[in-house]
Amino acid sequence: MAMTSENEDTMIENESEDTSEEMSSSESEQEEDVKLAEPSKNAVYNRDALLDKLGDISWPENVEWIHKLSIDVDQEQEVDVNDDLARELAFYTQALEGTRQAFEKLQSMGLPFLRPADYYAEMVKTDVHMEKVKGRLLTEKRKMEEAEERRKAREAKRLSKEIQAQKLKERAKQKKQDIESVKKWRKQRQQSGFADNGDDADTAFDFEDGKVFERSNKKRPGVAPWDRSGGKAKKAFGKGQKQKKRDGKNSRFGFGGKKGLKKQNTAETTNDYGKFNKGAAAVNKKRKR
């Protein structure tokens, strides 16, 4: 028990020492805040020299306003500097009133103060730099357009595949319907008592839509069964008409036989000068006349 009481006494003493140290430190901080910088003992306050220097740097009294461009705005009521909203509103009203007075003075003096519509200020960036920026923007735009075109191509390809699959489904469905209609027709034919003997000459396919398909047995005179043109091809190459293609080849290449040495000279052609110098003979005849 004696040990515990001694420990409690030491803890109380330590706490009292800590509180005293904190109070002393706070008092010293307050004293430091209150202390002001003492003026230098060598400082000189020369009022006349300061006023003289102010007169040198200040504007003369008779200078024109266009050189100063200064506007004095009278504040009618006092503004609490600690009120942020009221202070900023006072700045705004002063600037607005000063701008209005400056505009009136400039207009009365007849001086232009607005920027012309065709005035272009000098650019901060050089033309070379702006060309690079423009090229970069155009490159990005082209990449975006190419990506958009690729996306559209993918969409079109996917859509075409869907359309093709839909068409295949429709064809398969139509084929199935045709097969079912044929089966139905055969069943009806068997029920009616007609035997299927392989002769389909008089066969009539009655489909679901009511249409009847009949095979024609009419024979066209002068037309072969395998002739799909209906005899027109035979008329085109008949005896009464010339075969222009064949005639052209015959006139160019002949009718067969020996083709070589066709233009070789013989004794008769060598001694025949009738085909040469026809113009000279005509001239000689004119001279004789």
Protein backbone atom coordinates (compact mmCIF):
# COMPACT_ATOMS: atom_id res chain seq x y z
CA MET A 1 0.00 0.00 0.00
CA ALA A 2 2.87 2.36 0.76
CA MET A 3 4.33 1.76 -2.69
CA THR A 4 1.09 2.65 -4.47
CA SER A 5 0.72 5.92 -2.55
CA GLU A 6 4.25 6.93 -3.47
CA ASN A 7 3.59 6.23 -7.17
CA GLU A 8 0.45 8.34 -7.10
CA ASP A 9 2.34 11.25 -5.54
CA THR A 10 5.04 11.11 -8.22
CA MET A 11 2.43 11.06 -11.02
CA ILE A 12 0.66 14.12 -9.58
CA GLU A 13 3.97 15.99 -9.34
CA ASN A 14 4.83 15.16 -12.97
CA GLU A 15 1.43 16.38 -14.19
CA SER A 16 1.80 19.66 -12.29
CA GLU A 17 5.25 20.18 -13.80
CA ASP A 18 3.88 19.56 -17.33
CA THR A 19 1.05 22.04 -16.88
CA SER A 20 3.43 24.67 -15.54
CA GLU A 21 5.74 24.18 -18.54
CA GLU A 22 2.82 24.52 -20.98
CA MET A 23 1.63 27.73 -19.31
CA SER A 24 5.12 29.21 -19.38
CA SER A 25 5.54 28.32 -23.09
CA SER A 26 2.16 29.90 -23.99
CA GLU A 27 3.06 33.07 -22.07
CA SER A 28 6.39 33.29 -23.88
CA GLU A 29 4.63 32.89 -27.26
CA GLN A 30 2.20 35.69 -26.37
CA GLU A 31 5.10 37.91 -25.38
CA GLU A 32 6.82 37.16 -28.70
CA ASP A 33 3.66 38.08 -30.63
CA VAL A 34 3.29 41.36 -28.80
CA LYS A 35 6.89 42.41 -29.34
CA LEU A 36 7.43 44.75 -32.33
CA ALA A 37 10.52 45.37 -34.34
CA GLU A 38 12.40 48.31 -32.92
CA PRO A 39 13.43 51.01 -35.41
CA SER A 40 17.05 51.22 -36.29
CA LYS A 41 19.03 53.81 -34.41
CA ASN A 42 20.75 54.88 -37.65
CA ALA A 43 17.45 55.58 -39.52
CA VAL A 44 17.00 59.13 -40.87
CA TYR A 45 13.57 60.68 -41.51
CA ASN A 46 14.19 63.48 -44.02
CA ARG A 47 10.73 64.83 -44.82
CA ASP A 48 11.89 67.56 -47.20
CA ALA A 49 13.94 65.13 -49.31
CA LEU A 50 11.03 62.70 -49.56
CA LEU A 51 8.64 65.42 -50.71
CA ASP A 52 11.19 66.63 -53.24
CA LYS A 53 11.57 63.13 -54.69
CA LEU A 54 7.77 62.73 -54.80
CA GLY A 55 7.55 65.94 -56.81
CA ASP A 56 10.09 64.60 -59.28
CA ILE A 57 8.20 61.36 -60.01
CA SER A 58 4.64 62.75 -59.86
CA TRP A 59 2.68 64.11 -62.86
CA PRO A 60 2.71 67.87 -63.42
CA GLU A 61 -0.49 69.73 -62.68
CA ASN A 62 -0.98 71.12 -66.19
CA VAL A 63 -0.50 67.78 -68.05
CA GLU A 64 -3.38 66.60 -70.24
CA TRP A 65 -5.62 63.75 -69.14
CA ILE A 66 -4.87 61.65 -72.24
CA HIS A 67 -1.33 61.13 -70.94
CA LYS A 68 -2.44 59.95 -67.49
CA LEU A 69 -5.76 58.17 -68.18
CA SER A 70 -6.52 58.25 -64.46
CA ILE A 71 -10.08 58.37 -63.11
CA ASP A 72 -11.01 59.37 -59.56
CA VAL A 73 -14.23 57.85 -58.26
CA ASP A 74 -15.77 59.25 -55.07
CA GLN A 75 -17.00 56.63 -52.64
CA GLU A 76 -20.30 57.89 -51.21
CA GLN A 77 -20.52 55.57 -48.22
CA GLU A 78 -17.94 53.78 -46.18
CA VAL A 79 -17.40 50.06 -46.74
CA ASP A 80 -16.54 47.55 -44.06
CA VAL A 81 -13.22 46.10 -45.17
CA ASN A 82 -13.87 42.93 -43.18
CA ASP A 83 -17.03 42.18 -45.20
CA ASP A 84 -15.79 40.33 -48.29
CA LEU A 85 -19.01 40.66 -50.28
CA ALA A 86 -19.41 44.39 -49.65
CA ARG A 87 -15.73 45.02 -50.41
CA GLU A 88 -15.81 43.16 -53.75
CA LEU A 89 -19.06 44.92 -54.69
CA ALA A 90 -17.42 48.29 -54.02
CA PHE A 91 -14.49 47.34 -56.28
CA TYR A 92 -16.91 46.34 -59.02
CA THR A 93 -18.95 49.54 -58.84
CA GLN A 94 -15.82 51.71 -58.81
CA ALA A 95 -14.40 49.96 -61.89
CA LEU A 96 -17.73 50.23 -63.72
CA GLU A 97 -18.11 53.93 -62.91
CA GLY A 98 -14.50 54.68 -63.90
CA THR A 99 -14.95 52.88 -67.24
CA ARG A 100 -18.13 54.85 -67.97
CA GLN A 101 -16.41 58.18 -67.22
CA ALA A 102 -13.38 57.24 -69.37
CA PHE A 103 -15.65 56.33 -72.31
CA GLU A 104 -17.43 59.68 -72.06
CA LYS A 105 -14.15 61.60 -71.99
CA LEU A 106 -12.71 59.72 -74.96
CA GLN A 107 -15.90 60.23 -76.98
CA SER A 108 -15.94 63.96 -76.16
CA MET A 109 -12.30 64.23 -77.28
CA GLY A 110 -13.05 62.33 -80.51
CA LEU A 111 -10.35 59.72 -79.92
CA PRO A 112 -10.82 56.10 -81.08
CA PHE A 113 -10.61 53.69 -78.17
CA LEU A 114 -12.28 50.51 -79.51
CA ARG A 115 -10.44 47.89 -81.56
CA PRO A 116 -11.30 47.99 -85.29
CA ALA A 117 -13.16 45.05 -86.78
CA ASP A 118 -10.31 44.30 -89.23
CA TYR A 119 -7.53 44.52 -86.64
CA TYR A 120 -5.48 41.38 -86.10
CA ALA A 121 -3.17 41.37 -83.13
CA GLU A 122 0.24 39.75 -83.30
CA MET A 123 0.11 36.10 -82.33
CA VAL A 124 2.05 34.92 -79.31
CA LYS A 125 2.84 31.63 -81.06
CA THR A 126 4.79 31.57 -84.32
CA ASP A 127 3.31 30.39 -87.60
CA VAL A 128 5.58 27.33 -87.60
CA HIS A 129 4.30 26.30 -84.18
CA MET A 130 0.69 26.83 -85.23
CA GLU A 131 1.28 24.75 -88.38
CA LYS A 132 2.50 21.91 -86.17
CA VAL A 133 -0.56 22.24 -83.96
CA LYS A 134 -2.81 22.28 -87.02
CA GLY A 135 -1.11 19.20 -88.47
CA ARG A 136 -1.51 17.37 -85.17
CA LEU A 137 -5.20 18.25 -85.02
CA LEU A 138 -5.72 17.13 -88.62
CA THR A 139 -3.93 13.85 -87.89
CA GLU A 140 -6.15 13.20 -84.88
CA LYS A 141 -9.23 14.06 -86.93
CA ARG A 142 -8.14 11.69 -89.73
CA LYS A 143 -7.54 8.90 -87.20
CA MET A 144 -10.99 9.43 -85.75
CA GLU A 145 -12.55 9.34 -89.22
CA GLU A 146 -10.67 6.14 -90.10
CA ALA A 147 -11.78 4.53 -86.85
CA GLU A 148 -15.36 5.55 -87.60
CA GLU A 149 -15.12 4.09 -91.12
CA ARG A 150 -13.74 0.82 -89.74
CA ARG A 151 -16.57 0.69 -87.24
CA LYS A 152 -19.13 1.28 -89.99
CA ALA A 153 -17.51 -1.43 -92.13
CA ARG A 154 -17.73 -3.89 -89.23
CA GLU A 155 -21.37 -2.98 -88.68
CA ALA A 156 -22.13 -3.38 -92.39
CA LYS A 157 -20.36 -6.75 -92.48
CA ARG A 158 -22.26 -7.96 -89.45
CA LEU A 159 -25.52 -6.72 -90.93
CA SER A 160 -24.80 -8.42 -94.27
CA LYS A 161 -24.12 -11.69 -92.47
CA GLU A 162 -27.41 -11.38 -90.62
CA ILE A 163 -29.26 -10.66 -93.87
CA GLN A 164 -27.58 -13.62 -95.59
CA ALA A 165 -28.48 -15.92 -92.70
CA GLN A 166 -32.06 -14.64 -92.83
CA LYS A 167 -32.25 -15.33 -96.58
CA LEU A 168 -30.91 -18.85 -96.08
CA LYS A 169 -33.54 -19.44 -93.42
CA GLU A 170 -36.25 -18.17 -95.75
CA ARG A 171 -35.02 -20.41 -98.58
CA ALA A 172 -34.94 -23.43 -96.29
CA LYS A 173 -38.43 -22.60 -95.08
CA GLN A 174 -39.71 -22.21 -98.65
CA LYS A 175 -38.09 -25.49 -99.67
CA LYS A 176 -39.68 -27.23 -96.73
CA GLN A 177 -43.08 -25.80 -97.67
CA ASP A 178 -42.66 -26.97 -101.28
CA ILE A 179 -41.74 -30.47 -100.15
CA GLU A 180 -44.71 -30.56 -97.80
CA SER A 181 -47.05 -29.41 -100.59
CA VAL A 182 -45.71 -32.14 -102.93
CA LYS A 183 -46.18 -34.76 -100.23
CA LYS A 184 -49.70 -33.52 -99.64
CA TRP A 185 -50.47 -33.68 -103.36
CA ARG A 186 -49.14 -37.25 -103.61
CA LYS A 187 -51.19 -38.28 -100.62
CA GLN A 188 -54.34 -36.77 -102.13
CA ARG A 189 -53.58 -38.51 -105.45
CA GLN A 190 -53.19 -41.88 -103.75
CA GLN A 191 -56.42 -41.37 -101.84
CA SER A 192 -58.28 -40.49 -105.05
CA GLY A 193 -57.27 -43.84 -106.63
CA PHE A 194 -54.71 -42.73 -109.24
CA ALA A 195 -51.66 -44.99 -109.38
CA ASP A 196 -48.24 -43.48 -109.90
CA ASN A 197 -47.12 -45.28 -113.08
CA GLY A 198 -44.29 -42.91 -113.93
CA ASP A 199 -46.23 -41.08 -116.67
CA ASP A 200 -46.29 -37.45 -115.61
CA ALA A 201 -47.63 -36.10 -118.88
CA ASP A 202 -51.00 -35.20 -117.40
CA THR A 203 -49.67 -34.34 -113.97
CA ALA A 204 -51.02 -31.16 -112.38
CA PHE A 205 -49.40 -29.97 -109.14
CA ASP A 206 -52.01 -28.29 -106.99
CA PHE A 207 -50.12 -26.25 -104.38
CA GLU A 208 -51.47 -24.59 -101.26
CA ASP A 209 -51.85 -21.17 -102.89
CA GLY A 210 -54.26 -22.62 -105.49
CA LYS A 211 -51.95 -22.34 -108.50
CA VAL A 212 -51.68 -25.29 -110.84
CA PHE A 213 -48.49 -26.27 -112.63
CA GLU A 214 -49.05 -28.09 -115.92
CA ARG A 215 -46.39 -29.43 -118.24
CA SER A 216 -46.97 -28.48 -121.86
CA ASN A 217 -46.82 -31.21 -124.54
CA LYS A 218 -47.00 -28.90 -127.55
CA LYS A 219 -44.34 -29.52 -130.17
CA ARG A 220 -42.98 -26.59 -132.14
CA PRO A 221 -42.45 -27.40 -135.80
CA GLY A 222 -38.90 -27.01 -137.03
CA VAL A 223 -37.49 -26.59 -133.52
CA ALA A 224 -35.33 -29.23 -131.89
CA PRO A 225 -36.19 -30.27 -128.31
CA TRP A 226 -32.80 -29.09 -127.08
CA ASP A 227 -33.01 -25.70 -128.82
CA ARG A 228 -33.73 -23.12 -126.10
CA SER A 229 -33.79 -20.18 -128.51
CA GLY A 230 -37.02 -21.37 -130.10
CA GLY A 231 -35.53 -21.70 -133.59
CA LYS A 232 -34.11 -18.16 -133.72
CA ALA A 233 -30.52 -19.36 -133.80
CA LYS A 234 -31.22 -21.47 -136.85
CA LYS A 235 -32.84 -18.54 -138.65
CA ALA A 236 -29.90 -16.28 -137.87
CA PHE A 237 -27.42 -18.70 -139.45
CA GLY A 238 -29.67 -19.88 -142.29
CA LYS A 239 -28.87 -20.13 -145.99
CA GLY A 240 -30.49 -16.83 -146.89
CA GLN A 241 -28.23 -14.72 -144.66
CA LYS A 242 -24.52 -14.13 -144.87
CA GLN A 243 -22.26 -15.20 -142.13
CA LYS A 244 -20.32 -12.01 -141.62
CA LYS A 245 -17.81 -13.49 -139.28
CA ARG A 246 -17.06 -16.40 -141.58
CA ASP A 247 -16.86 -14.17 -144.65
CA GLY A 248 -14.42 -11.86 -142.91
CA LYS A 249 -12.13 -14.71 -141.98
CA ASN A 250 -12.32 -16.15 -145.51
CA SER A 251 -11.39 -12.83 -147.08
CA ARG A 252 -8.48 -12.46 -144.70
CA PHE A 253 -7.07 -15.96 -144.50
CA GLY A 254 -8.48 -17.66 -147.64
CA PHE A 255 -10.33 -20.94 -147.97
CA GLY A 256 -7.58 -23.28 -146.93
CA GLY A 257 -4.78 -24.85 -148.91
CA LYS A 258 -1.28 -23.58 -149.47
CA LYS A 259 -0.69 -20.10 -148.03
CA GLY A 260 3.05 -19.71 -148.46
CA LEU A 261 4.72 -18.00 -151.47
CA LYS A 262 1.43 -16.30 -152.29
CA LYS A 263 3.13 -12.99 -153.17
CA GLN A 264 6.16 -14.49 -154.87
CA ASN A 265 6.97 -13.09 -158.33
CA THR A 266 6.66 -15.18 -161.43
CA ALA A 267 7.84 -14.65 -165.02
CA GLU A 268 4.52 -13.05 -165.94
CA THR A 269 4.41 -10.67 -162.97
CA THR A 270 8.05 -9.74 -163.46
CA ASN A 271 7.52 -8.66 -167.08
CA ASP A 272 4.21 -6.92 -166.33
CA TYR A 273 4.81 -3.19 -165.77
CA GLY A 274 1.23 -2.14 -166.19
CA LYS A 275 0.63 -1.68 -162.46
CA PHE A 276 3.60 0.60 -161.95
CA ASN A 277 4.06 4.31 -162.77
CA LYS A 278 0.43 4.94 -163.60
CA GLY A 279 0.86 8.60 -162.71
CA ALA A 280 3.88 9.03 -164.98
CA ALA A 281 2.00 7.51 -167.92
CA ALA A 282 -0.85 9.98 -167.44
CA VAL A 283 1.62 12.87 -167.39
CA ASN A 284 3.24 11.65 -170.61
CA LYS A 285 -0.16 11.47 -172.31
CA LYS A 286 -0.86 15.08 -171.35
CA ARG A 287 2.49 16.17 -172.72
CA LYS A 288 1.83 14.42 -176.03
CA ARG A 289 -1.43 16.30 -176.38
